[in-house]
Amino acid sequence: MILSNVSIHRALDKGWLKITPEPKPRFKTATDLKCPYQTTAVDLRLGNEISYLKKEPIPAVIDLRLGDFASLFGPHSVKHSLTHNQPYILDRVIS
């Protein structure tokens, strides 16, 4: 599903979508700040820490509708701090 910027704002306002911390400003202002909300996207910037799944068997079914993703993801993940000398390289998957 692709949401328009108006739909993204509505979803944020109603709590259907959560982005923490929420990118600011929500709307273009007279200042030179770049608005991260585009026509059908939100420009998100990554921090210097990522978490990814360990290479081990995980539960066969992950149903995000059940909530509490953190309790499932946490024990099966690894945290990695990114630096210029210690980047994280995405694996290329060929199917």
C-alpha atoms as a PDB file:
ATOM      1  CA  MET A   1       0.000   0.000   0.000  1.00  0.00           C
ATOM      2  CA  ILE A   2       1.226   3.471  -0.857  1.00  0.00           C
ATOM      3  CA  LEU A   3      -0.030   6.376   1.244  1.00  0.00           C
ATOM      4  CA  SER A   4      -0.092   9.992   0.106  1.00  0.00           C
ATOM      5  CA  ASN A   5       1.536  12.591   2.344  1.00  0.00           C
ATOM      6  CA  VAL A   6      -1.958  13.665   3.472  1.00  0.00           C
ATOM      7  CA  SER A   7      -2.777  10.048   4.375  1.00  0.00           C
ATOM      8  CA  ILE A   8       0.557   9.685   6.204  1.00  0.00           C
ATOM      9  CA  HIS A   9      -0.242  12.773   8.324  1.00  0.00           C
ATOM     10  CA  ARG A  10      -3.766  11.488   9.026  1.00  0.00           C
ATOM     11  CA  ALA A  11      -2.415   8.068  10.063  1.00  0.00           C
ATOM     12  CA  LEU A  12       0.122   9.729  12.380  1.00  0.00           C
ATOM     13  CA  ASP A  13      -2.571  11.960  13.906  1.00  0.00           C
ATOM     14  CA  LYS A  14      -4.925   9.016  14.522  1.00  0.00           C
ATOM     15  CA  GLY A  15      -2.150   6.774  15.896  1.00  0.00           C
ATOM     16  CA  TRP A  16      -2.468   4.223  13.076  1.00  0.00           C
ATOM     17  CA  LEU A  17       1.161   4.883  12.126  1.00  0.00           C
ATOM     18  CA  LYS A  18       3.951   5.626  14.585  1.00  0.00           C
ATOM     19  CA  ILE A  19       7.385   6.954  13.720  1.00  0.00           C
ATOM     20  CA  THR A  20       9.600   7.533  16.736  1.00  0.00           C
ATOM     21  CA  PRO A  21      11.104  10.056  16.827  1.00  0.00           C
ATOM     22  CA  GLU A  22       8.754  11.722  14.371  1.00  0.00           C
ATOM     23  CA  PRO A  23      10.607  13.613  11.618  1.00  0.00           C
ATOM     24  CA  LYS A  24      10.168  17.372  11.745  1.00  0.00           C
ATOM     25  CA  PRO A  25       8.973  19.654  10.311  1.00  0.00           C
ATOM     26  CA  ARG A  26       5.705  18.029   9.250  1.00  0.00           C
ATOM     27  CA  PHE A  27       5.073  20.740   6.682  1.00  0.00           C
ATOM     28  CA  LYS A  28       7.339  22.997   4.640  1.00  0.00           C
ATOM     29  CA  THR A  29       8.080  26.239   6.428  1.00  0.00           C
ATOM     30  CA  ALA A  30       9.609  29.536   5.421  1.00  0.00           C
ATOM     31  CA  THR A  31      12.936  28.424   6.896  1.00  0.00           C
ATOM     32  CA  ASP A  32      15.487  26.452   4.947  1.00  0.00           C
ATOM     33  CA  LEU A  33      14.698  23.189   6.772  1.00  0.00           C
ATOM     34  CA  LYS A  34      13.941  20.380   4.377  1.00  0.00           C
ATOM     35  CA  CYS A  35      10.539  18.820   5.009  1.00  0.00           C
ATOM     36  CA  PRO A  36      10.976  15.015   5.238  1.00  0.00           C
ATOM     37  CA  TYR A  37       7.394  14.358   4.034  1.00  0.00           C
ATOM     38  CA  GLN A  38       7.151  13.962   0.285  1.00  0.00           C
ATOM     39  CA  THR A  39       4.191  13.116  -1.961  1.00  0.00           C
ATOM     40  CA  THR A  40       4.168   9.402  -1.083  1.00  0.00           C
ATOM     41  CA  ALA A  41       7.112   8.963   1.258  1.00  0.00           C
ATOM     42  CA  VAL A  42       8.793   9.986   4.482  1.00  0.00           C
ATOM     43  CA  ASP A  43      12.548  10.544   4.369  1.00  0.00           C
ATOM     44  CA  LEU A  44      13.958   8.729   7.401  1.00  0.00           C
ATOM     45  CA  ARG A  45      17.559   8.966   8.572  1.00  0.00           C
ATOM     46  CA  LEU A  46      19.220   6.041  10.287  1.00  0.00           C
ATOM     47  CA  GLY A  47      21.023   6.280  13.589  1.00  0.00           C
ATOM     48  CA  ASN A  48      24.367   4.633  14.274  1.00  0.00           C
ATOM     49  CA  GLU A  49      22.948   1.432  15.787  1.00  0.00           C
ATOM     50  CA  ILE A  50      21.049  -1.324  14.010  1.00  0.00           C
ATOM     51  CA  SER A  51      19.615  -4.666  15.063  1.00  0.00           C
ATOM     52  CA  TYR A  52      19.292  -7.644  12.778  1.00  0.00           C
ATOM     53  CA  LEU A  53      18.175 -11.250  13.103  1.00  0.00           C
ATOM     54  CA  LYS A  54      20.770 -13.831  14.070  1.00  0.00           C
ATOM     55  CA  LYS A  55      21.463 -16.579  11.572  1.00  0.00           C
ATOM     56  CA  GLU A  56      19.620 -19.230  13.544  1.00  0.00           C
ATOM     57  CA  PRO A  57      16.244 -20.909  13.330  1.00  0.00           C
ATOM     58  CA  ILE A  58      13.426 -18.613  14.386  1.00  0.00           C
ATOM     59  CA  PRO A  59       9.731 -19.382  14.807  1.00  0.00           C
ATOM     60  CA  ALA A  60       8.193 -20.492  11.510  1.00  0.00           C
ATOM     61  CA  VAL A  61       5.340 -18.002  11.750  1.00  0.00           C
ATOM     62  CA  ILE A  62       5.723 -14.348  12.678  1.00  0.00           C
ATOM     63  CA  ASP A  63       2.282 -12.778  12.919  1.00  0.00           C
ATOM     64  CA  LEU A  64       2.713  -9.025  13.397  1.00  0.00           C
ATOM     65  CA  ARG A  65      -1.020  -8.646  14.086  1.00  0.00           C
ATOM     66  CA  LEU A  66      -0.409 -10.211  17.509  1.00  0.00           C
ATOM     67  CA  GLY A  67       1.769  -7.289  18.567  1.00  0.00           C
ATOM     68  CA  ASP A  68       4.717  -7.482  20.954  1.00  0.00           C
ATOM     69  CA  PHE A  69       7.208  -7.816  18.106  1.00  0.00           C
ATOM     70  CA  ALA A  70      10.020  -6.697  20.441  1.00  0.00           C
ATOM     71  CA  SER A  71       9.728  -9.818  22.612  1.00  0.00           C
ATOM     72  CA  LEU A  72      10.049 -12.009  19.515  1.00  0.00           C
ATOM     73  CA  PHE A  73      12.737  -9.989  17.747  1.00  0.00           C
ATOM     74  CA  GLY A  74      14.849  -9.153  20.823  1.00  0.00           C
ATOM     75  CA  PRO A  75      16.087 -12.642  21.785  1.00  0.00           C
ATOM     76  CA  HIS A  76      16.788 -13.517  18.142  1.00  0.00           C
ATOM     77  CA  SER A  77      18.661 -10.349  17.215  1.00  0.00           C
ATOM     78  CA  VAL A  78      22.109  -8.811  17.385  1.00  0.00           C
ATOM     79  CA  LYS A  79      22.855  -5.098  17.920  1.00  0.00           C
ATOM     80  CA  HIS A  80      25.607  -3.493  15.867  1.00  0.00           C
ATOM     81  CA  SER A  81      27.043   0.015  16.316  1.00  0.00           C
ATOM     82  CA  LEU A  82      28.015   1.601  13.022  1.00  0.00           C
ATOM     83  CA  THR A  83      31.207   3.591  12.634  1.00  0.00           C
ATOM     84  CA  HIS A  84      33.226   4.672   9.633  1.00  0.00           C
ATOM     85  CA  ASN A  85      35.596   1.748  10.290  1.00  0.00           C
ATOM     86  CA  GLN A  86      32.837  -0.729  11.295  1.00  0.00           C
ATOM     87  CA  PRO A  87      29.999  -0.439   8.760  1.00  0.00           C
ATOM     88  CA  TYR A  88      27.254  -3.006   8.309  1.00  0.00           C
ATOM     89  CA  ILE A  89      27.159  -4.621   4.902  1.00  0.00           C
ATOM     90  CA  LEU A  90      23.821  -5.927   3.698  1.00  0.00           C
ATOM     91  CA  ASP A  91      23.893  -9.496   2.420  1.00  0.00           C
ATOM     92  CA  ARG A  92      22.906  -9.930  -1.177  1.00  0.00           C
ATOM     93  CA  VAL A  93      20.306 -12.633  -1.567  1.00  0.00           C
ATOM     94  CA  ILE A  94      19.984 -14.336  -4.926  1.00  0.00           C
ATOM     95  CA  SER A  95      16.928 -16.471  -5.470  1.00  0.00           C
END
